[in-house]
Amino acid sequence: MLQQQFEHAIIVGGSLGGLMMGLALSRSGYAVTILERADSSLRNVAFIRLHTKPYSNSEIERELSNLASNGNNNVEAWSAIQERLLNAVAKPGITLQHHTRIVSIGQNESSAWATSEKEQTFKGDFLIGADGYRSIVRVI
């Protein structure tokens, strides 16, 4: 049986989880489109504690862990982590689109897609939901 070769990922949700997933997939050779409902302003309302010890010896995992934590095991502002991740995804191979509220998703044997409230359709080989507790991806 031939194994399907995936090339393009669509990620619904561009907060910390979506940005990290996008970076990991991009570093693994995928083209990535990240779709975020909110604008590009930084969130200054929360703090998060990060641990820098990776769970595996993967080069990508070490790189992303260091990027997110800035090499510290401190409590850090969400906005500081978000800013580092946003700077890291601003590279070829990753498209981050803000102000894109997804209202429907779908898939068939060859692709997956997300459609925005402005009737834009974003198509890829697969789709990942990183859109939080009110997930459009997990509800449908």
Protein backbone atom coordinates (compact mmCIF):
# COMPACT_ATOMS: atom_id res chain seq x y z
CA MET A 1 0.00 0.00 0.00
CA LEU A 2 1.35 3.43 -0.93
CA GLN A 3 1.63 5.95 1.87
CA GLN A 4 0.14 9.39 1.14
CA GLN A 5 2.65 12.26 1.12
CA PHE A 6 1.36 15.33 3.00
CA GLU A 7 2.69 18.76 2.08
CA HIS A 8 0.35 21.48 3.40
CA ALA A 9 -1.24 21.86 6.83
CA ILE A 10 -4.09 24.18 7.81
CA ILE A 11 -4.17 25.14 11.50
CA VAL A 12 -7.30 26.76 12.89
CA GLY A 13 -6.18 28.86 15.86
CA GLY A 14 -3.11 31.05 16.15
CA SER A 15 -2.50 31.31 19.87
CA LEU A 16 0.42 29.58 21.59
CA GLY A 17 -0.62 26.04 20.66
CA GLY A 18 -1.34 26.84 17.02
CA LEU A 19 1.88 28.82 16.64
CA MET A 20 3.96 26.02 18.21
CA MET A 21 2.30 23.38 16.00
CA GLY A 22 2.86 25.54 12.94
CA LEU A 23 6.53 25.95 13.77
CA ALA A 24 6.97 22.22 14.42
CA LEU A 25 5.32 21.29 11.12
CA SER A 26 7.26 23.92 9.20
CA ARG A 27 10.54 22.71 10.67
CA SER A 28 9.53 19.22 9.51
CA GLY A 29 9.10 20.40 5.92
CA TYR A 30 5.40 21.21 5.67
CA ALA A 31 3.92 24.40 4.24
CA VAL A 32 1.63 25.79 6.95
CA THR A 33 -1.32 28.18 6.99
CA ILE A 34 -2.42 29.37 10.44
CA LEU A 35 -5.86 30.99 10.65
CA GLU A 36 -6.55 33.20 13.69
CA ARG A 37 -9.87 34.87 14.54
CA ALA A 38 -8.34 37.70 16.61
CA ASP A 39 -6.19 40.60 15.52
CA SER A 40 -2.42 40.58 15.85
CA SER A 41 -2.22 42.45 19.16
CA LEU A 42 -0.41 40.76 22.04
CA ARG A 43 -2.41 39.38 24.98
CA ASN A 44 -1.25 41.03 28.22
CA VAL A 45 -3.65 39.37 30.62
CA ALA A 46 -1.99 36.14 31.69
CA PHE A 47 1.21 34.58 32.93
CA ILE A 48 2.40 31.05 32.39
CA ARG A 49 5.10 28.87 33.96
CA LEU A 50 7.35 27.11 31.47
CA HIS A 51 9.68 24.17 31.93
CA THR A 52 12.62 23.91 29.57
CA LYS A 53 13.31 20.18 29.97
CA PRO A 54 12.22 18.50 26.71
CA TYR A 55 10.40 15.18 26.86
CA SER A 56 12.47 13.74 24.04
CA ASN A 57 15.74 14.40 22.32
CA SER A 58 14.14 15.72 19.16
CA GLU A 59 16.00 18.71 17.73
CA ILE A 60 12.70 20.37 16.83
CA GLU A 61 11.32 19.88 20.35
CA ARG A 62 14.46 21.36 21.93
CA GLU A 63 14.33 24.33 19.57
CA LEU A 64 10.65 25.03 20.22
CA SER A 65 11.01 24.58 23.98
CA ASN A 66 13.87 27.08 24.06
CA LEU A 67 11.94 29.48 21.83
CA ALA A 68 8.84 29.37 24.06
CA SER A 69 10.71 29.53 27.38
CA ASN A 70 13.58 31.79 26.32
CA GLY A 71 15.79 29.33 28.22
CA ASN A 72 14.11 29.94 31.58
CA ASN A 73 11.92 27.99 33.98
CA ASN A 74 10.25 31.19 35.14
CA VAL A 75 6.75 32.48 35.19
CA GLU A 76 6.50 34.63 32.11
CA ALA A 77 3.93 36.91 30.50
CA TRP A 78 1.83 35.21 27.85
CA SER A 79 2.50 38.20 25.59
CA ALA A 80 6.29 37.72 25.79
CA ILE A 81 5.97 34.09 24.66
CA GLN A 82 3.45 35.04 22.00
CA GLU A 83 5.76 37.74 20.65
CA ARG A 84 8.70 35.30 20.31
CA LEU A 85 6.48 32.77 18.54
CA LEU A 86 5.01 35.39 16.21
CA ASN A 87 8.52 36.52 15.26
CA ALA A 88 9.51 32.90 14.60
CA VAL A 89 6.54 32.17 12.32
CA ALA A 90 7.22 35.29 10.21
CA LYS A 91 9.31 33.20 7.83
CA PRO A 92 8.76 31.60 4.42
CA GLY A 93 6.70 28.41 4.58
CA ILE A 94 4.29 29.72 7.23
CA THR A 95 1.33 31.98 6.47
CA LEU A 96 -0.38 33.51 9.50
CA GLN A 97 -3.69 35.19 8.74
CA HIS A 98 -5.43 37.23 11.46
CA HIS A 99 -9.06 38.43 11.41
CA THR A 100 -10.11 35.07 9.95
CA ARG A 101 -13.08 33.56 11.76
CA ILE A 102 -13.69 30.00 10.60
CA VAL A 103 -17.35 29.00 10.33
CA SER A 104 -17.09 25.56 8.74
CA ILE A 105 -14.61 22.82 7.98
CA GLY A 106 -14.68 19.75 5.81
CA GLN A 107 -12.64 16.95 4.32
CA ASN A 108 -12.68 14.31 1.63
CA GLU A 109 -10.26 11.55 0.68
CA SER A 110 -7.66 13.93 -0.74
CA SER A 111 -7.85 17.15 1.29
CA ALA A 112 -9.27 19.18 4.16
CA TRP A 113 -10.50 22.76 4.20
CA ALA A 114 -11.73 25.58 6.39
CA THR A 115 -14.14 28.29 5.28
CA SER A 116 -14.19 31.74 6.86
CA GLU A 117 -17.17 33.98 7.56
CA LYS A 118 -15.98 36.05 4.56
CA GLU A 119 -16.42 32.91 2.42
CA GLN A 120 -12.69 32.37 1.89
CA THR A 121 -11.76 28.71 1.64
CA PHE A 122 -8.35 27.51 2.83
CA LYS A 123 -7.40 24.07 1.55
CA GLY A 124 -4.64 21.71 2.67
CA ASP A 125 -3.74 18.06 2.97
CA PHE A 126 -4.90 18.03 6.59
CA LEU A 127 -6.40 20.37 9.17
CA ILE A 128 -5.54 20.77 12.86
CA GLY A 129 -7.76 22.38 15.47
CA ALA A 130 -5.90 24.66 17.88
CA ASP A 131 -8.84 26.97 18.38
CA GLY A 132 -9.49 26.65 22.09
CA TYR A 133 -12.42 25.67 24.21
CA ARG A 134 -15.03 27.02 21.75
CA SER A 135 -13.52 24.95 18.95
CA ILE A 136 -15.23 24.96 15.57
CA VAL A 137 -12.98 22.05 14.54
CA ARG A 138 -13.90 19.70 17.40
CA VAL A 139 -17.61 20.58 17.41
CA ILE A 140 -18.31 19.82 13.77
